[in-house]
Amino acid sequence: MGILLTETTEAAAAGNSAGFLSMILIYGIMIAALWFFMMRPQSKEKKRLAAMLSTLATGDSVLTTSGFYGTVIDIVDDTVIVEFGNNKNCRIPMEKSAISRVEKPGEANG
């Protein structure tokens, strides 16, 4: 009877170990899928936005995150002075991060 008890305990321990490893594998796959479908696109978008803002120059037409179109007048570090409207009197300083799209002069809208 002692032999049967030892064999069943060892089999149960081996089964628990295999179940634990499969659980770890499933969680690993779920975390990888979460990163691939949620985090990776966000990081790619951040890189694209950073590259776009690094090429920002005076005279570029920009669209702000609030929906205003304007022209860049001056750039100082992380601050941009944008001119809005035709009257040339509306110049507003704002952060570079408030710019969502940049169009270079002479670039076709496409």
PDB file of N, CA and C in Angstrom:
ATOM      1  N   MET A   1       0.806  -1.178   0.000  1.00  0.00           N
ATOM      2  CA  MET A   1       0.000   0.000   0.000  1.00  0.00           C
ATOM      3  C   MET A   1       0.860   1.258   0.000  1.00  0.00           C
ATOM      4  N   GLY A   2       2.022   1.211   0.667  1.00  0.00           N
ATOM      5  CA  GLY A   2       2.934   2.348   0.725  1.00  0.00           C
ATOM      6  C   GLY A   2       3.498   2.688  -0.652  1.00  0.00           C
ATOM      7  N   ILE A   3       3.696   1.683  -1.524  1.00  0.00           N
ATOM      8  CA  ILE A   3       4.231   1.912  -2.863  1.00  0.00           C
ATOM      9  C   ILE A   3       3.206   2.672  -3.701  1.00  0.00           C
ATOM     10  N   LEU A   4       1.955   2.299  -3.615  1.00  0.00           N
ATOM     11  CA  LEU A   4       0.912   2.969  -4.373  1.00  0.00           C
ATOM     12  C   LEU A   4       0.754   4.428  -3.932  1.00  0.00           C
ATOM     13  N   LEU A   5       0.842   4.662  -2.651  1.00  0.00           N
ATOM     14  CA  LEU A   5       0.705   6.016  -2.125  1.00  0.00           C
ATOM     15  C   LEU A   5       1.844   6.904  -2.618  1.00  0.00           C
ATOM     16  N   THR A   6       3.074   6.392  -2.656  1.00  0.00           N
ATOM     17  CA  THR A   6       4.229   7.146  -3.125  1.00  0.00           C
ATOM     18  C   THR A   6       4.103   7.459  -4.617  1.00  0.00           C
ATOM     19  N   GLU A   7       3.662   6.496  -5.418  1.00  0.00           N
ATOM     20  CA  GLU A   7       3.544   6.710  -6.853  1.00  0.00           C
ATOM     21  C   GLU A   7       2.471   7.753  -7.168  1.00  0.00           C
ATOM     22  N   THR A   8       1.340   7.726  -6.456  1.00  0.00           N
ATOM     23  CA  THR A   8       0.290   8.699  -6.710  1.00  0.00           C
ATOM     24  C   THR A   8       0.722  10.098  -6.308  1.00  0.00           C
ATOM     25  N   THR A   9       1.459  10.227  -5.235  1.00  0.00           N
ATOM     26  CA  THR A   9       1.938  11.534  -4.809  1.00  0.00           C
ATOM     27  C   THR A   9       2.926  12.100  -5.823  1.00  0.00           C
ATOM     28  N   GLU A  10       3.804  11.279  -6.340  1.00  0.00           N
ATOM     29  CA  GLU A  10       4.767  11.733  -7.350  1.00  0.00           C
ATOM     30  C   GLU A  10       4.052  12.106  -8.643  1.00  0.00           C
ATOM     31  N   ALA A  11       3.035  11.337  -9.032  1.00  0.00           N
ATOM     32  CA  ALA A  11       2.283  11.646 -10.247  1.00  0.00           C
ATOM     33  C   ALA A  11       1.524  12.965 -10.085  1.00  0.00           C
ATOM     34  N   ALA A  12       0.956  13.186  -8.913  1.00  0.00           N
ATOM     35  CA  ALA A  12       0.237  14.439  -8.662  1.00  0.00           C
ATOM     36  C   ALA A  12       1.199  15.623  -8.696  1.00  0.00           C
ATOM     37  N   ALA A  13       2.380  15.459  -8.134  1.00  0.00           N
ATOM     38  CA  ALA A  13       3.379  16.536  -8.143  1.00  0.00           C
ATOM     39  C   ALA A  13       3.817  16.836  -9.570  1.00  0.00           C
ATOM     40  N   ALA A  14       3.996  15.797 -10.391  1.00  0.00           N
ATOM     41  CA  ALA A  14       4.388  16.003 -11.790  1.00  0.00           C
ATOM     42  C   ALA A  14       3.256  16.694 -12.553  1.00  0.00           C
ATOM     43  N   GLY A  15       2.022  16.318 -12.268  1.00  0.00           N
ATOM     44  CA  GLY A  15       0.873  16.954 -12.916  1.00  0.00           C
ATOM     45  C   GLY A  15       0.748  18.417 -12.529  1.00  0.00           C
ATOM     46  N   ASN A  16       0.980  18.727 -11.265  1.00  0.00           N
ATOM     47  CA  ASN A  16       0.927  20.117 -10.810  1.00  0.00           C
ATOM     48  C   ASN A  16       2.025  20.945 -11.457  1.00  0.00           C
ATOM     49  N   SER A  17       3.190  20.357 -11.630  1.00  0.00           N
ATOM     50  CA  SER A  17       4.310  21.063 -12.246  1.00  0.00           C
ATOM     51  C   SER A  17       4.012  21.362 -13.714  1.00  0.00           C
ATOM     52  N   ALA A  18       3.448  20.396 -14.426  1.00  0.00           N
ATOM     53  CA  ALA A  18       3.101  20.606 -15.831  1.00  0.00           C
ATOM     54  C   ALA A  18       1.997  21.647 -15.960  1.00  0.00           C
ATOM     55  N   GLY A  19       1.021  21.623 -15.056  1.00  0.00           N
ATOM     56  CA  GLY A  19      -0.054  22.616 -15.077  1.00  0.00           C
ATOM     57  C   GLY A  19       0.469  24.013 -14.799  1.00  0.00           C
ATOM     58  N   PHE A  20       1.413  24.122 -13.890  1.00  0.00           N
ATOM     59  CA  PHE A  20       2.007  25.416 -13.568  1.00  0.00           C
ATOM     60  C   PHE A  20       2.787  25.961 -14.760  1.00  0.00           C
ATOM     61  N   LEU A  21       3.554  25.116 -15.436  1.00  0.00           N
ATOM     62  CA  LEU A  21       4.325  25.566 -16.598  1.00  0.00           C
ATOM     63  C   LEU A  21       3.414  25.975 -17.747  1.00  0.00           C
ATOM     64  N   SER A  22       2.334  25.234 -17.963  1.00  0.00           N
ATOM     65  CA  SER A  22       1.413  25.617 -19.033  1.00  0.00           C
ATOM     66  C   SER A  22       0.706  26.931 -18.699  1.00  0.00           C
ATOM     67  N   MET A  23       0.405  27.166 -17.426  1.00  0.00           N
ATOM     68  CA  MET A  23      -0.212  28.413 -17.011  1.00  0.00           C
ATOM     69  C   MET A  23       0.751  29.590 -17.253  1.00  0.00           C
ATOM     70  N   ILE A  24       2.012  29.389 -16.921  1.00  0.00           N
ATOM     71  CA  ILE A  24       3.021  30.426 -17.167  1.00  0.00           C
ATOM     72  C   ILE A  24       3.134  30.706 -18.664  1.00  0.00           C
ATOM     73  N   LEU A  25       3.109  29.672 -19.487  1.00  0.00           N
ATOM     74  CA  LEU A  25       3.195  29.829 -20.939  1.00  0.00           C
ATOM     75  C   LEU A  25       1.996  30.605 -21.474  1.00  0.00           C
ATOM     76  N   ILE A  26       0.811  30.297 -21.003  1.00  0.00           N
ATOM     77  CA  ILE A  26      -0.396  30.994 -21.461  1.00  0.00           C
ATOM     78  C   ILE A  26      -0.347  32.468 -21.059  1.00  0.00           C
ATOM     79  N   TYR A  27       0.064  32.763 -19.820  1.00  0.00           N
ATOM     80  CA  TYR A  27       0.188  34.162 -19.399  1.00  0.00           C
ATOM     81  C   TYR A  27       1.249  34.897 -20.226  1.00  0.00           C
ATOM     82  N   GLY A  28       2.329  34.226 -20.547  1.00  0.00           N
ATOM     83  CA  GLY A  28       3.359  34.834 -21.380  1.00  0.00           C
ATOM     84  C   GLY A  28       2.832  35.184 -22.763  1.00  0.00           C
ATOM     85  N   ILE A  29       2.050  34.298 -23.338  1.00  0.00           N
ATOM     86  CA  ILE A  29       1.463  34.559 -24.656  1.00  0.00           C
ATOM     87  C   ILE A  29       0.463  35.702 -24.579  1.00  0.00           C
ATOM     88  N   MET A  30      -0.319  35.763 -23.511  1.00  0.00           N
ATOM     89  CA  MET A  30      -1.284  36.850 -23.363  1.00  0.00           C
ATOM     90  C   MET A  30      -0.596  38.202 -23.208  1.00  0.00           C
ATOM     91  N   ILE A  31       0.475  38.253 -22.457  1.00  0.00           N
ATOM     92  CA  ILE A  31       1.216  39.505 -22.273  1.00  0.00           C
ATOM     93  C   ILE A  31       1.859  39.936 -23.583  1.00  0.00           C
ATOM     94  N   ALA A  32       2.413  38.981 -24.336  1.00  0.00           N
ATOM     95  CA  ALA A  32       3.018  39.305 -25.635  1.00  0.00           C
ATOM     96  C   ALA A  32       1.965  39.830 -26.604  1.00  0.00           C
ATOM     97  N   ALA A  33       0.785  39.233 -26.618  1.00  0.00           N
ATOM     98  CA  ALA A  33      -0.290  39.708 -27.491  1.00  0.00           C
ATOM     99  C   ALA A  33      -0.745  41.104 -27.076  1.00  0.00           C
ATOM    100  N   LEU A  34      -0.856  41.339 -25.788  1.00  0.00           N
ATOM    101  CA  LEU A  34      -1.238  42.660 -25.286  1.00  0.00           C
ATOM    102  C   LEU A  34      -0.233  43.715 -25.726  1.00  0.00           C
ATOM    103  N   TRP A  35       1.037  43.416 -25.602  1.00  0.00           N
ATOM    104  CA  TRP A  35       2.072  44.365 -26.032  1.00  0.00           C
ATOM    105  C   TRP A  35       2.006  44.594 -27.526  1.00  0.00           C
ATOM    106  N   PHE A  36       1.835  43.515 -28.290  1.00  0.00           N
ATOM    107  CA  PHE A  36       1.866  43.624 -29.749  1.00  0.00           C
ATOM    108  C   PHE A  36       0.690  44.435 -30.267  1.00  0.00           C
ATOM    109  N   PHE A  37      -0.493  44.257 -29.695  1.00  0.00           N
ATOM    110  CA  PHE A  37      -1.673  44.927 -30.220  1.00  0.00           C
ATOM    111  C   PHE A  37      -1.981  46.263 -29.567  1.00  0.00           C
ATOM    112  N   MET A  38      -1.419  46.554 -28.388  1.00  0.00           N
ATOM    113  CA  MET A  38      -1.754  47.804 -27.713  1.00  0.00           C
ATOM    114  C   MET A  38      -0.558  48.721 -27.515  1.00  0.00           C
ATOM    115  N   MET A  39       0.521  48.220 -27.010  1.00  0.00           N
ATOM    116  CA  MET A  39       1.660  49.071 -26.668  1.00  0.00           C
ATOM    117  C   MET A  39       2.516  49.408 -27.884  1.00  0.00           C
ATOM    118  N   ARG A  40       2.735  48.472 -28.754  1.00  0.00           N
ATOM    119  CA  ARG A  40       3.609  48.677 -29.904  1.00  0.00           C
ATOM    120  C   ARG A  40       3.092  49.782 -30.830  1.00  0.00           C
ATOM    121  N   PRO A  41       1.802  49.805 -31.196  1.00  0.00           N
ATOM    122  CA  PRO A  41       1.328  50.901 -32.043  1.00  0.00           C
ATOM    123  C   PRO A  41       1.473  52.270 -31.387  1.00  0.00           C
ATOM    124  N   GLN A  42       1.287  52.335 -30.070  1.00  0.00           N
ATOM    125  CA  GLN A  42       1.457  53.609 -29.378  1.00  0.00           C
ATOM    126  C   GLN A  42       2.897  54.085 -29.441  1.00  0.00           C
ATOM    127  N   SER A  43       3.837  53.173 -29.251  1.00  0.00           N
ATOM    128  CA  SER A  43       5.237  53.582 -29.291  1.00  0.00           C
ATOM    129  C   SER A  43       5.644  53.970 -30.710  1.00  0.00           C
ATOM    130  N   LYS A  44       5.098  53.296 -31.720  1.00  0.00           N
ATOM    131  CA  LYS A  44       5.391  53.682 -33.102  1.00  0.00           C
ATOM    132  C   LYS A  44       4.839  55.068 -33.407  1.00  0.00           C
ATOM    133  N   GLU A  45       3.644  55.377 -32.909  1.00  0.00           N
ATOM    134  CA  GLU A  45       3.046  56.690 -33.125  1.00  0.00           C
ATOM    135  C   GLU A  45       3.851  57.779 -32.414  1.00  0.00           C
ATOM    136  N   LYS A  46       4.338  57.498 -31.212  1.00  0.00           N
ATOM    137  CA  LYS A  46       5.175  58.467 -30.501  1.00  0.00           C
ATOM    138  C   LYS A  46       6.454  58.756 -31.274  1.00  0.00           C
ATOM    139  N   LYS A  47       7.070  57.718 -31.824  1.00  0.00           N
ATOM    140  CA  LYS A  47       8.293  57.904 -32.611  1.00  0.00           C
ATOM    141  C   LYS A  47       8.012  58.715 -33.866  1.00  0.00           C
ATOM    142  N   ARG A  48       6.873  58.456 -34.527  1.00  0.00           N
ATOM    143  CA  ARG A  48       6.519  59.195 -35.735  1.00  0.00           C
ATOM    144  C   ARG A  48       6.287  60.669 -35.411  1.00  0.00           C
ATOM    145  N   LEU A  49       5.587  60.935 -34.308  1.00  0.00           N
ATOM    146  CA  LEU A  49       5.320  62.312 -33.899  1.00  0.00           C
ATOM    147  C   LEU A  49       6.605  63.039 -33.520  1.00  0.00           C
ATOM    148  N   ALA A  50       7.511  62.350 -32.815  1.00  0.00           N
ATOM    149  CA  ALA A  50       8.791  62.963 -32.439  1.00  0.00           C
ATOM    150  C   ALA A  50       9.623  63.282 -33.672  1.00  0.00           C
ATOM    151  N   ALA A  51       9.615  62.387 -34.660  1.00  0.00           N
ATOM    152  CA  ALA A  51      10.364  62.642 -35.897  1.00  0.00           C
ATOM    153  C   ALA A  51       9.767  63.826 -36.654  1.00  0.00           C
ATOM    154  N   MET A  52       8.435  63.919 -36.674  1.00  0.00           N
ATOM    155  CA  MET A  52       7.769  65.026 -37.360  1.00  0.00           C
ATOM    156  C   MET A  52       8.098  66.355 -36.677  1.00  0.00           C
ATOM    157  N   LEU A  53       8.074  66.379 -35.338  1.00  0.00           N
ATOM    158  CA  LEU A  53       8.356  67.622 -34.623  1.00  0.00           C
ATOM    159  C   LEU A  53       9.822  68.014 -34.698  1.00  0.00           C
ATOM    160  N   SER A  54      10.710  67.044 -34.880  1.00  0.00           N
ATOM    161  CA  SER A  54      12.131  67.383 -34.988  1.00  0.00           C
ATOM    162  C   SER A  54      12.443  68.071 -36.313  1.00  0.00           C
ATOM    163  N   THR A  55      11.614  67.848 -37.333  1.00  0.00           N
ATOM    164  CA  THR A  55      11.840  68.492 -38.631  1.00  0.00           C
ATOM    165  C   THR A  55      11.041  69.787 -38.771  1.00  0.00           C
ATOM    166  N   LEU A  56      10.366  70.208 -37.720  1.00  0.00           N
ATOM    167  CA  LEU A  56       9.568  71.429 -37.742  1.00  0.00           C
ATOM    168  C   LEU A  56      10.472  72.633 -37.987  1.00  0.00           C
ATOM    169  N   ALA A  57      10.056  73.491 -38.902  1.00  0.00           N
ATOM    170  CA  ALA A  57      10.862  74.669 -39.238  1.00  0.00           C
ATOM    171  C   ALA A  57       9.956  75.884 -39.368  1.00  0.00           C
ATOM    172  N   THR A  58      10.561  77.058 -39.348  1.00  0.00           N
ATOM    173  CA  THR A  58       9.823  78.304 -39.516  1.00  0.00           C
ATOM    174  C   THR A  58       9.188  78.333 -40.901  1.00  0.00           C
ATOM    175  N   GLY A  59       7.925  78.742 -40.964  1.00  0.00           N
ATOM    176  CA  GLY A  59       7.205  78.819 -42.230  1.00  0.00           C
ATOM    177  C   GLY A  59       6.338  77.601 -42.518  1.00  0.00           C
ATOM    178  N   ASP A  60       6.455  76.558 -41.720  1.00  0.00           N
ATOM    179  CA  ASP A  60       5.629  75.364 -41.914  1.00  0.00           C
ATOM    180  C   ASP A  60       4.189  75.642 -41.492  1.00  0.00           C
ATOM    181  N   SER A  61       3.252  75.067 -42.208  1.00  0.00           N
ATOM    182  CA  SER A  61       1.846  75.130 -41.814  1.00  0.00           C
ATOM    183  C   SER A  61       1.587  73.981 -40.857  1.00  0.00           C
ATOM    184  N   VAL A  62       0.887  74.262 -39.766  1.00  0.00           N
ATOM    185  CA  VAL A  62       0.653  73.246 -38.750  1.00  0.00           C
ATOM    186  C   VAL A  62      -0.825  73.182 -38.396  1.00  0.00           C
ATOM    187  N   LEU A  63      -1.229  72.018 -37.894  1.00  0.00           N
ATOM    188  CA  LEU A  63      -2.548  71.813 -37.323  1.00  0.00           C
ATOM    189  C   LEU A  63      -2.327  71.482 -35.860  1.00  0.00           C
ATOM    190  N   THR A  64      -2.955  72.250 -34.979  1.00  0.00           N
ATOM    191  CA  THR A  64      -2.780  72.010 -33.544  1.00  0.00           C
ATOM    192  C   THR A  64      -3.745  70.920 -33.080  1.00  0.00           C
ATOM    193  N   THR A  65      -3.507  70.424 -31.887  1.00  0.00           N
ATOM    194  CA  THR A  65      -4.370  69.387 -31.336  1.00  0.00           C
ATOM    195  C   THR A  65      -5.778  69.905 -31.063  1.00  0.00           C
ATOM    196  N   SER A  66      -5.936  71.223 -30.955  1.00  0.00           N
ATOM    197  CA  SER A  66      -7.261  71.805 -30.729  1.00  0.00           C
ATOM    198  C   SER A  66      -7.978  72.108 -32.036  1.00  0.00           C
ATOM    199  N   GLY A  67      -7.329  71.860 -33.180  1.00  0.00           N
ATOM    200  CA  GLY A  67      -7.991  72.003 -34.464  1.00  0.00           C
ATOM    201  C   GLY A  67      -7.733  73.305 -35.195  1.00  0.00           C
ATOM    202  N   PHE A  68      -6.803  74.116 -34.724  1.00  0.00           N
ATOM    203  CA  PHE A  68      -6.495  75.380 -35.385  1.00  0.00           C
ATOM    204  C   PHE A  68      -5.362  75.202 -36.385  1.00  0.00           C
ATOM    205  N   TYR A  69      -5.518  75.835 -37.556  1.00  0.00           N
ATOM    206  CA  TYR A  69      -4.453  75.849 -38.558  1.00  0.00           C
ATOM    207  C   TYR A  69      -3.669  77.138 -38.406  1.00  0.00           C
ATOM    208  N   GLY A  70      -2.360  77.048 -38.548  1.00  0.00           N
ATOM    209  CA  GLY A  70      -1.528  78.230 -38.427  1.00  0.00           C
ATOM    210  C   GLY A  70      -0.188  78.038 -39.096  1.00  0.00           C
ATOM    211  N   THR A  71       0.652  79.066 -39.002  1.00  0.00           N
ATOM    212  CA  THR A  71       1.980  79.051 -39.591  1.00  0.00           C
ATOM    213  C   THR A  71       3.005  79.300 -38.497  1.00  0.00           C
ATOM    214  N   VAL A  72       4.075  78.517 -38.505  1.00  0.00           N
ATOM    215  CA  VAL A  72       5.123  78.659 -37.496  1.00  0.00           C
ATOM    216  C   VAL A  72       5.922  79.921 -37.795  1.00  0.00           C
ATOM    217  N   ILE A  73       6.039  80.784 -36.796  1.00  0.00           N
ATOM    218  CA  ILE A  73       6.786  82.028 -36.927  1.00  0.00           C
ATOM    219  C   ILE A  73       8.175  81.898 -36.298  1.00  0.00           C
ATOM    220  N   ASP A  74       8.244  81.236 -35.134  1.00  0.00           N
ATOM    221  CA  ASP A  74       9.514  81.127 -34.416  1.00  0.00           C
ATOM    222  C   ASP A  74       9.503  79.843 -33.588  1.00  0.00           C
ATOM    223  N   ILE A  75      10.697  79.272 -33.413  1.00  0.00           N
ATOM    224  CA  ILE A  75      10.859  78.069 -32.598  1.00  0.00           C
ATOM    225  C   ILE A  75      11.958  78.319 -31.581  1.00  0.00           C
ATOM    226  N   VAL A  76      11.638  78.134 -30.296  1.00  0.00           N
ATOM    227  CA  VAL A  76      12.616  78.282 -29.221  1.00  0.00           C
ATOM    228  C   VAL A  76      12.474  77.061 -28.316  1.00  0.00           C
ATOM    229  N   ASP A  77      13.450  76.167 -28.341  1.00  0.00           N
ATOM    230  CA  ASP A  77      13.451  74.927 -27.553  1.00  0.00           C
ATOM    231  C   ASP A  77      12.153  74.142 -27.790  1.00  0.00           C
ATOM    232  N   ASP A  78      11.319  74.018 -26.757  1.00  0.00           N
ATOM    233  CA  ASP A  78      10.065  73.275 -26.885  1.00  0.00           C
ATOM    234  C   ASP A  78       8.863  74.190 -27.074  1.00  0.00           C
ATOM    235  N   THR A  79       9.109  75.469 -27.301  1.00  0.00           N
ATOM    236  CA  THR A  79       8.041  76.441 -27.502  1.00  0.00           C
ATOM    237  C   THR A  79       8.027  76.884 -28.959  1.00  0.00           C
ATOM    238  N   VAL A  80       6.828  76.972 -29.516  1.00  0.00           N
ATOM    239  CA  VAL A  80       6.650  77.387 -30.905  1.00  0.00           C
ATOM    240  C   VAL A  80       5.687  78.561 -30.910  1.00  0.00           C
ATOM    241  N   ILE A  81       5.997  79.588 -31.684  1.00  0.00           N
ATOM    242  CA  ILE A  81       5.072  80.704 -31.847  1.00  0.00           C
ATOM    243  C   ILE A  81       4.371  80.491 -33.181  1.00  0.00           C
ATOM    244  N   VAL A  82       3.044  80.364 -33.106  1.00  0.00           N
ATOM    245  CA  VAL A  82       2.231  80.080 -34.282  1.00  0.00           C
ATOM    246  C   VAL A  82       1.345  81.275 -34.570  1.00  0.00           C
ATOM    247  N   GLU A  83       1.264  81.638 -35.853  1.00  0.00           N
ATOM    248  CA  GLU A  83       0.430  82.758 -36.292  1.00  0.00           C
ATOM    249  C   GLU A  83      -0.854  82.194 -36.894  1.00  0.00           C
ATOM    250  N   PHE A  84      -1.989  82.673 -36.404  1.00  0.00           N
ATOM    251  CA  PHE A  84      -3.286  82.198 -36.862  1.00  0.00           C
ATOM    252  C   PHE A  84      -4.001  83.301 -37.619  1.00  0.00           C
ATOM    253  N   GLY A  85      -4.730  82.954 -38.660  1.00  0.00           N
ATOM    254  CA  GLY A  85      -5.565  83.914 -39.377  1.00  0.00           C
ATOM    255  C   GLY A  85      -4.787  84.731 -40.386  1.00  0.00           C
ATOM    256  N   ASN A  86      -5.529  85.591 -41.061  1.00  0.00           N
ATOM    257  CA  ASN A  86      -4.949  86.413 -42.110  1.00  0.00           C
ATOM    258  C   ASN A  86      -4.512  87.779 -41.626  1.00  0.00           C
ATOM    259  N   ASN A  87      -4.949  88.220 -40.455  1.00  0.00           N
ATOM    260  CA  ASN A  87      -4.660  89.577 -40.015  1.00  0.00           C
ATOM    261  C   ASN A  87      -3.270  89.733 -39.413  1.00  0.00           C
ATOM    262  N   LYS A  88      -2.514  88.658 -39.256  1.00  0.00           N
ATOM    263  CA  LYS A  88      -1.129  88.668 -38.772  1.00  0.00           C
ATOM    264  C   LYS A  88      -0.988  89.231 -37.360  1.00  0.00           C
ATOM    265  N   ASN A  89      -2.091  89.405 -36.642  1.00  0.00           N
ATOM    266  CA  ASN A  89      -2.018  89.918 -35.286  1.00  0.00           C
ATOM    267  C   ASN A  89      -2.188  88.838 -34.231  1.00  0.00           C
ATOM    268  N   CYS A  90      -2.537  87.654 -34.639  1.00  0.00           N
ATOM    269  CA  CYS A  90      -2.821  86.589 -33.685  1.00  0.00           C
ATOM    270  C   CYS A  90      -1.642  85.608 -33.660  1.00  0.00           C
ATOM    271  N   ARG A  91      -0.702  85.893 -32.790  1.00  0.00           N
ATOM    272  CA  ARG A  91       0.476  85.036 -32.624  1.00  0.00           C
ATOM    273  C   ARG A  91       0.447  84.457 -31.222  1.00  0.00           C
ATOM    274  N   ILE A  92       0.447  83.131 -31.144  1.00  0.00           N
ATOM    275  CA  ILE A  92       0.301  82.471 -29.855  1.00  0.00           C
ATOM    276  C   ILE A  92       1.475  81.533 -29.613  1.00  0.00           C
ATOM    277  N   PRO A  93       2.158  81.671 -28.482  1.00  0.00           N
ATOM    278  CA  PRO A  93       3.190  80.689 -28.136  1.00  0.00           C
ATOM    279  C   PRO A  93       2.540  79.422 -27.594  1.00  0.00           C
ATOM    280  N   MET A  94       3.056  78.295 -28.010  1.00  0.00           N
ATOM    281  CA  MET A  94       2.529  77.011 -27.531  1.00  0.00           C
ATOM    282  C   MET A  94       3.651  75.981 -27.521  1.00  0.00           C
ATOM    283  N   GLU A  95       3.406  74.874 -26.858  1.00  0.00           N
ATOM    284  CA  GLU A  95       4.390  73.802 -26.813  1.00  0.00           C
ATOM    285  C   GLU A  95       4.384  73.034 -28.130  1.00  0.00           C
ATOM    286  N   LYS A  96       5.538  72.456 -28.462  1.00  0.00           N
ATOM    287  CA  LYS A  96       5.611  71.643 -29.670  1.00  0.00           C
ATOM    288  C   LYS A  96       4.664  70.457 -29.613  1.00  0.00           C
ATOM    289  N   SER A  97       4.433  69.942 -28.424  1.00  0.00           N
ATOM    290  CA  SER A  97       3.574  68.773 -28.286  1.00  0.00           C
ATOM    291  C   SER A  97       2.123  69.070 -28.641  1.00  0.00           C
ATOM    292  N   ALA A  98       1.749  70.346 -28.772  1.00  0.00           N
ATOM    293  CA  ALA A  98       0.384  70.711 -29.141  1.00  0.00           C
ATOM    294  C   ALA A  98       0.178  70.691 -30.651  1.00  0.00           C
ATOM    295  N   ILE A  99       1.186  70.308 -31.407  1.00  0.00           N
ATOM    296  CA  ILE A  99       1.083  70.243 -32.864  1.00  0.00           C
ATOM    297  C   ILE A  99       0.832  68.796 -33.263  1.00  0.00           C
ATOM    298  N   SER A 100      -0.228  68.594 -34.063  1.00  0.00           N
ATOM    299  CA  SER A 100      -0.567  67.220 -34.452  1.00  0.00           C
ATOM    300  C   SER A 100      -0.200  66.906 -35.891  1.00  0.00           C
ATOM    301  N   ARG A 101      -0.060  67.926 -36.745  1.00  0.00           N
ATOM    302  CA  ARG A 101       0.299  67.664 -38.141  1.00  0.00           C
ATOM    303  C   ARG A 101       1.101  68.839 -38.692  1.00  0.00           C
ATOM    304  N   VAL A 102       2.071  68.537 -39.552  1.00  0.00           N
ATOM    305  CA  VAL A 102       2.923  69.559 -40.144  1.00  0.00           C
ATOM    306  C   VAL A 102       2.900  69.399 -41.655  1.00  0.00           C
ATOM    307  N   GLU A 103       2.748  70.527 -42.359  1.00  0.00           N
ATOM    308  CA  GLU A 103       2.860  70.533 -43.810  1.00  0.00           C
ATOM    309  C   GLU A 103       3.954  71.519 -44.195  1.00  0.00           C
ATOM    310  N   LYS A 104       4.910  71.032 -44.939  1.00  0.00           N
ATOM    311  CA  LYS A 104       5.999  71.891 -45.409  1.00  0.00           C
ATOM    312  C   LYS A 104       5.483  72.777 -46.533  1.00  0.00           C
ATOM    313  N   PRO A 105       6.057  73.981 -46.694  1.00  0.00           N
ATOM    314  CA  PRO A 105       5.636  74.844 -47.798  1.00  0.00           C
ATOM    315  C   PRO A 105       5.925  74.176 -49.138  1.00  0.00           C
ATOM    316  N   GLY A 106       4.964  74.251 -50.045  1.00  0.00           N
ATOM    317  CA  GLY A 106       5.127  73.633 -51.355  1.00  0.00           C
ATOM    318  C   GLY A 106       4.775  72.155 -51.388  1.00  0.00           C
ATOM    319  N   GLU A 107       4.425  71.599 -50.256  1.00  0.00           N
ATOM    320  CA  GLU A 107       4.041  70.186 -50.202  1.00  0.00           C
ATOM    321  C   GLU A 107       2.597  70.045 -50.603  1.00  0.00           C
ATOM    322  N   ALA A 108       2.304  69.089 -51.468  1.00  0.00           N
ATOM    323  CA  ALA A 108       0.928  68.905 -51.962  1.00  0.00           C
ATOM    324  C   ALA A 108       0.083  68.211 -50.911  1.00  0.00           C
ATOM    325  N   ASN A 109      -1.167  68.632 -50.797  1.00  0.00           N
ATOM    326  CA  ASN A 109      -2.107  67.941 -49.900  1.00  0.00           C
ATOM    327  C   ASN A 109      -2.511  66.647 -50.564  1.00  0.00           C
ATOM    328  N   GLY A 110      -2.295  65.549 -49.844  1.00  0.00           N
ATOM    329  CA  GLY A 110      -2.569  64.336 -50.559  1.00  0.00           C
ATOM    330  C   GLY A 110      -3.305  63.343 -49.868  1.00  0.00           C
TER     331      GLY A 110
END
